[in-house]
Amino acid sequence: MPFGLLALIATVALGNVRLGVAMLAVAFLNRVVQSIIVGWWLLRDPRALRLCWLYPLRDLQGFGVWAASFLSHNFYWRGEMYRFTAGGKIIAQDRNVPVSNVNSG
């Protein structure tokens, strides 16, 4: 879905709204078909037919979360807050860990 959305934005910027909407629809249909093939045909899950329209929306949400992950140097994992430093190291925020101990181990 992110590429379908990108195609929509690009074609609208170029003045061809119909092509953009068609490309977004093809991307949506592609994800629905993938959901049906994997969920219903391969895994034999009967809910896959009924809920196949949710998969493209989940795909778009996953892209949004991925893109938002670049907006902060802090993150929460397993009950603790961490921070990425300028040098690429990860430091726990809640613990009182001296910076000199981060390099060891």
N, C-alpha and C. Protein backbone atom coordinates (compact mmCIF):
# COMPACT_ATOMS: atom_id res chain seq x y z
N MET A 1 0.79 -1.20 0.00
CA MET A 1 0.00 0.00 0.00
C MET A 1 0.84 1.28 0.00
N PRO A 2 2.00 1.30 0.63
CA PRO A 2 2.78 2.53 0.57
C PRO A 2 3.15 2.92 -0.86
N PHE A 3 3.45 1.93 -1.70
CA PHE A 3 3.79 2.25 -3.09
C PHE A 3 2.56 2.71 -3.87
N GLY A 4 1.40 2.17 -3.55
CA GLY A 4 0.17 2.64 -4.17
C GLY A 4 -0.13 4.07 -3.80
N LEU A 5 0.11 4.40 -2.53
CA LEU A 5 -0.09 5.77 -2.07
C LEU A 5 0.93 6.71 -2.70
N LEU A 6 2.16 6.26 -2.81
CA LEU A 6 3.20 7.05 -3.47
C LEU A 6 2.85 7.29 -4.94
N ALA A 7 2.33 6.25 -5.60
CA ALA A 7 1.92 6.40 -7.00
C ALA A 7 0.78 7.40 -7.13
N LEU A 8 -0.16 7.37 -6.19
CA LEU A 8 -1.26 8.33 -6.21
C LEU A 8 -0.74 9.75 -6.06
N ILE A 9 0.15 9.97 -5.12
CA ILE A 9 0.70 11.31 -4.89
C ILE A 9 1.47 11.79 -6.12
N ALA A 10 2.28 10.90 -6.69
CA ALA A 10 3.09 11.28 -7.85
C ALA A 10 2.24 11.60 -9.07
N THR A 11 1.24 10.76 -9.33
CA THR A 11 0.42 11.00 -10.52
C THR A 11 -0.50 12.21 -10.36
N VAL A 12 -0.95 12.46 -9.14
CA VAL A 12 -1.75 13.67 -8.90
C VAL A 12 -0.87 14.91 -9.10
N ALA A 13 0.38 14.83 -8.62
CA ALA A 13 1.30 15.95 -8.82
C ALA A 13 1.59 16.19 -10.30
N LEU A 14 1.55 15.12 -11.10
CA LEU A 14 1.76 15.26 -12.54
C LEU A 14 0.49 15.58 -13.30
N GLY A 15 -0.64 15.65 -12.57
CA GLY A 15 -1.90 16.05 -13.19
C GLY A 15 -2.76 14.92 -13.72
N ASN A 16 -2.47 13.68 -13.35
CA ASN A 16 -3.25 12.55 -13.84
C ASN A 16 -3.90 11.83 -12.66
N VAL A 17 -5.01 12.38 -12.18
CA VAL A 17 -5.68 11.85 -11.00
C VAL A 17 -6.24 10.45 -11.26
N ARG A 18 -6.80 10.23 -12.42
CA ARG A 18 -7.39 8.91 -12.73
C ARG A 18 -6.36 7.80 -12.65
N LEU A 19 -5.19 8.02 -13.21
CA LEU A 19 -4.14 7.01 -13.16
C LEU A 19 -3.72 6.75 -11.72
N GLY A 20 -3.61 7.79 -10.91
CA GLY A 20 -3.24 7.64 -9.51
C GLY A 20 -4.25 6.83 -8.72
N VAL A 21 -5.52 7.12 -8.92
CA VAL A 21 -6.58 6.37 -8.23
C VAL A 21 -6.57 4.92 -8.71
N ALA A 22 -6.34 4.70 -9.99
CA ALA A 22 -6.28 3.33 -10.52
C ALA A 22 -5.10 2.57 -9.93
N MET A 23 -3.95 3.23 -9.78
CA MET A 23 -2.78 2.55 -9.21
C MET A 23 -2.99 2.25 -7.73
N LEU A 24 -3.64 3.15 -7.00
CA LEU A 24 -3.95 2.89 -5.60
C LEU A 24 -4.94 1.72 -5.49
N ALA A 25 -5.92 1.67 -6.38
CA ALA A 25 -6.89 0.56 -6.38
C ALA A 25 -6.21 -0.77 -6.69
N VAL A 26 -5.28 -0.76 -7.62
CA VAL A 26 -4.54 -1.99 -7.95
C VAL A 26 -3.71 -2.45 -6.76
N ALA A 27 -3.07 -1.51 -6.07
CA ALA A 27 -2.28 -1.86 -4.88
C ALA A 27 -3.19 -2.45 -3.79
N PHE A 28 -4.36 -1.85 -3.61
CA PHE A 28 -5.32 -2.35 -2.62
C PHE A 28 -5.78 -3.76 -2.99
N LEU A 29 -6.13 -3.95 -4.25
CA LEU A 29 -6.58 -5.27 -4.72
C LEU A 29 -5.47 -6.30 -4.59
N ASN A 30 -4.24 -5.90 -4.87
CA ASN A 30 -3.11 -6.81 -4.74
C ASN A 30 -2.98 -7.33 -3.31
N ARG A 31 -3.10 -6.44 -2.32
CA ARG A 31 -2.98 -6.86 -0.93
C ARG A 31 -4.17 -7.72 -0.49
N VAL A 32 -5.35 -7.43 -1.00
CA VAL A 32 -6.52 -8.25 -0.69
C VAL A 32 -6.33 -9.66 -1.25
N VAL A 33 -5.88 -9.76 -2.49
CA VAL A 33 -5.64 -11.07 -3.11
C VAL A 33 -4.56 -11.84 -2.35
N GLN A 34 -3.50 -11.17 -1.95
CA GLN A 34 -2.46 -11.83 -1.16
C GLN A 34 -3.02 -12.35 0.15
N SER A 35 -3.87 -11.58 0.79
CA SER A 35 -4.49 -12.00 2.04
C SER A 35 -5.36 -13.24 1.84
N ILE A 36 -6.10 -13.26 0.77
CA ILE A 36 -6.97 -14.41 0.49
C ILE A 36 -6.14 -15.64 0.17
N ILE A 37 -5.12 -15.49 -0.66
CA ILE A 37 -4.29 -16.64 -1.04
C ILE A 37 -3.57 -17.23 0.17
N VAL A 38 -2.96 -16.38 0.96
CA VAL A 38 -2.20 -16.89 2.12
C VAL A 38 -3.15 -17.31 3.24
N GLY A 39 -4.11 -16.49 3.57
CA GLY A 39 -4.99 -16.77 4.70
C GLY A 39 -5.99 -17.87 4.47
N TRP A 40 -6.66 -17.82 3.35
CA TRP A 40 -7.73 -18.79 3.11
C TRP A 40 -7.23 -20.03 2.39
N TRP A 41 -6.51 -19.83 1.31
CA TRP A 41 -6.10 -20.97 0.50
C TRP A 41 -4.95 -21.75 1.14
N LEU A 42 -3.94 -21.05 1.64
CA LEU A 42 -2.77 -21.73 2.19
C LEU A 42 -2.98 -22.16 3.64
N LEU A 43 -3.49 -21.25 4.48
CA LEU A 43 -3.65 -21.55 5.90
C LEU A 43 -5.03 -22.08 6.26
N ARG A 44 -5.97 -22.02 5.34
CA ARG A 44 -7.34 -22.51 5.53
C ARG A 44 -8.07 -21.80 6.67
N ASP A 45 -7.83 -20.52 6.81
CA ASP A 45 -8.50 -19.72 7.82
C ASP A 45 -9.77 -19.11 7.21
N PRO A 46 -10.95 -19.48 7.70
CA PRO A 46 -12.19 -18.98 7.09
C PRO A 46 -12.38 -17.47 7.30
N ARG A 47 -11.74 -16.89 8.29
CA ARG A 47 -11.87 -15.44 8.51
C ARG A 47 -11.16 -14.63 7.44
N ALA A 48 -10.23 -15.26 6.72
CA ALA A 48 -9.45 -14.54 5.71
C ALA A 48 -10.35 -13.98 4.60
N LEU A 49 -11.38 -14.70 4.25
CA LEU A 49 -12.31 -14.21 3.21
C LEU A 49 -13.13 -13.03 3.73
N ARG A 50 -13.56 -13.12 4.95
CA ARG A 50 -14.42 -12.09 5.53
C ARG A 50 -13.64 -10.82 5.88
N LEU A 51 -12.38 -10.97 6.27
CA LEU A 51 -11.61 -9.83 6.75
C LEU A 51 -10.47 -9.42 5.82
N CYS A 52 -10.51 -9.89 4.58
CA CYS A 52 -9.40 -9.61 3.66
C CYS A 52 -9.23 -8.13 3.36
N TRP A 53 -10.27 -7.34 3.50
CA TRP A 53 -10.18 -5.91 3.22
C TRP A 53 -9.38 -5.17 4.29
N LEU A 54 -9.17 -5.80 5.47
CA LEU A 54 -8.41 -5.15 6.53
C LEU A 54 -6.90 -5.22 6.30
N TYR A 55 -6.44 -6.19 5.52
CA TYR A 55 -5.00 -6.37 5.34
C TYR A 55 -4.32 -5.15 4.71
N PRO A 56 -4.89 -4.55 3.66
CA PRO A 56 -4.26 -3.33 3.12
C PRO A 56 -4.21 -2.19 4.13
N LEU A 57 -5.22 -2.09 4.98
CA LEU A 57 -5.23 -1.04 6.00
C LEU A 57 -4.16 -1.31 7.05
N ARG A 58 -3.97 -2.57 7.41
CA ARG A 58 -2.92 -2.95 8.34
C ARG A 58 -1.55 -2.67 7.73
N ASP A 59 -1.41 -2.93 6.45
CA ASP A 59 -0.17 -2.66 5.74
C ASP A 59 0.15 -1.16 5.77
N LEU A 60 -0.85 -0.35 5.55
CA LEU A 60 -0.67 1.10 5.58
C LEU A 60 -0.34 1.59 6.99
N GLN A 61 -0.97 0.99 8.00
CA GLN A 61 -0.67 1.35 9.38
C GLN A 61 0.76 0.98 9.74
N GLY A 62 1.20 -0.19 9.30
CA GLY A 62 2.58 -0.61 9.54
C GLY A 62 3.58 0.34 8.92
N PHE A 63 3.28 0.83 7.74
CA PHE A 63 4.14 1.82 7.10
C PHE A 63 4.18 3.11 7.91
N GLY A 64 3.02 3.52 8.42
CA GLY A 64 2.97 4.74 9.23
C GLY A 64 3.79 4.61 10.50
N VAL A 65 3.72 3.46 11.15
CA VAL A 65 4.52 3.23 12.36
C VAL A 65 6.00 3.23 12.02
N TRP A 66 6.36 2.59 10.92
CA TRP A 66 7.76 2.56 10.49
C TRP A 66 8.28 3.97 10.22
N ALA A 67 7.50 4.75 9.49
CA ALA A 67 7.92 6.12 9.16
C ALA A 67 8.02 6.97 10.43
N ALA A 68 7.09 6.80 11.36
CA ALA A 68 7.11 7.57 12.60
C ALA A 68 8.29 7.20 13.49
N SER A 69 8.83 6.01 13.31
CA SER A 69 9.95 5.58 14.15
C SER A 69 11.21 6.42 13.91
N PHE A 70 11.27 7.14 12.81
CA PHE A 70 12.42 7.98 12.52
C PHE A 70 12.31 9.38 13.14
N LEU A 71 11.21 9.66 13.82
CA LEU A 71 10.97 10.99 14.35
C LEU A 71 11.51 11.21 15.76
N SER A 72 11.98 10.15 16.42
CA SER A 72 12.45 10.29 17.79
C SER A 72 13.67 9.41 18.04
N HIS A 73 14.51 9.83 18.97
CA HIS A 73 15.67 9.04 19.37
C HIS A 73 15.35 8.18 20.59
N ASN A 74 14.16 8.35 21.16
CA ASN A 74 13.75 7.58 22.34
C ASN A 74 12.77 6.50 21.93
N PHE A 75 12.83 5.37 22.63
CA PHE A 75 11.87 4.31 22.38
C PHE A 75 11.62 3.51 23.64
N TYR A 76 10.49 2.87 23.70
CA TYR A 76 10.04 2.08 24.84
C TYR A 76 10.10 0.62 24.46
N TRP A 77 10.78 -0.20 25.26
CA TRP A 77 10.88 -1.63 24.95
C TRP A 77 10.95 -2.41 26.25
N ARG A 78 10.06 -3.37 26.40
CA ARG A 78 10.01 -4.27 27.56
C ARG A 78 10.01 -3.51 28.89
N GLY A 79 9.19 -2.50 28.96
CA GLY A 79 9.00 -1.78 30.21
C GLY A 79 10.04 -0.73 30.53
N GLU A 80 10.96 -0.45 29.64
CA GLU A 80 12.00 0.54 29.90
C GLU A 80 12.11 1.52 28.73
N MET A 81 12.53 2.73 29.06
CA MET A 81 12.79 3.74 28.03
C MET A 81 14.27 3.71 27.67
N TYR A 82 14.55 3.80 26.37
CA TYR A 82 15.91 3.81 25.86
C TYR A 82 16.08 5.00 24.94
N ARG A 83 17.35 5.34 24.67
CA ARG A 83 17.66 6.46 23.77
C ARG A 83 18.83 6.07 22.88
N PHE A 84 18.74 6.43 21.61
CA PHE A 84 19.86 6.29 20.69
C PHE A 84 20.77 7.49 20.85
N THR A 85 22.07 7.27 21.00
CA THR A 85 23.01 8.38 21.09
C THR A 85 23.47 8.76 19.68
N ALA A 86 24.20 9.87 19.60
CA ALA A 86 24.71 10.33 18.30
C ALA A 86 25.68 9.32 17.70
N GLY A 87 26.36 8.55 18.53
CA GLY A 87 27.31 7.56 18.04
C GLY A 87 26.67 6.23 17.68
N GLY A 88 25.35 6.12 17.82
CA GLY A 88 24.65 4.89 17.46
C GLY A 88 24.49 3.90 18.59
N LYS A 89 24.86 4.27 19.80
CA LYS A 89 24.70 3.38 20.95
C LYS A 89 23.31 3.55 21.54
N ILE A 90 22.85 2.52 22.27
CA ILE A 90 21.56 2.55 22.93
C ILE A 90 21.81 2.63 24.43
N ILE A 91 21.18 3.62 25.08
CA ILE A 91 21.36 3.84 26.51
C ILE A 91 19.99 3.80 27.19
N ALA A 92 19.91 3.05 28.29
CA ALA A 92 18.68 2.99 29.07
C ALA A 92 18.44 4.33 29.76
N GLN A 93 17.23 4.84 29.70
CA GLN A 93 16.90 6.13 30.31
C GLN A 93 16.57 5.99 31.79
N ASP A 94 15.89 4.92 32.19
CA ASP A 94 15.40 4.77 33.55
C ASP A 94 16.49 4.31 34.51
N ARG A 95 17.51 3.66 34.01
CA ARG A 95 18.59 3.17 34.87
C ARG A 95 19.65 4.24 35.01
N ASN A 96 20.39 4.18 36.09
CA ASN A 96 21.52 5.07 36.30
C ASN A 96 22.79 4.35 35.88
N VAL A 97 22.97 4.19 34.57
CA VAL A 97 24.15 3.51 34.04
C VAL A 97 25.16 4.55 33.62
N PRO A 98 26.36 4.50 34.19
CA PRO A 98 27.39 5.46 33.76
C PRO A 98 27.73 5.25 32.29
N VAL A 99 28.04 6.33 31.61
CA VAL A 99 28.34 6.25 30.18
C VAL A 99 29.58 5.38 29.93
N SER A 100 30.52 5.35 30.85
CA SER A 100 31.74 4.56 30.65
C SER A 100 31.44 3.07 30.64
N ASN A 101 30.37 2.62 31.29
CA ASN A 101 30.01 1.20 31.32
C ASN A 101 29.29 0.75 30.06
N VAL A 102 28.82 1.68 29.25
CA VAL A 102 28.09 1.33 28.04
C VAL A 102 29.01 0.65 27.04
N ASN A 103 30.26 1.06 26.97
CA ASN A 103 31.19 0.51 25.98
C ASN A 103 31.66 -0.89 26.33
N SER A 104 31.61 -1.29 27.58
CA SER A 104 32.10 -2.62 27.96
C SER A 104 31.03 -3.66 27.71
N GLY A 105 31.46 -4.88 27.42
CA GLY A 105 30.51 -5.97 27.32
C GLY A 105 30.15 -6.25 25.99
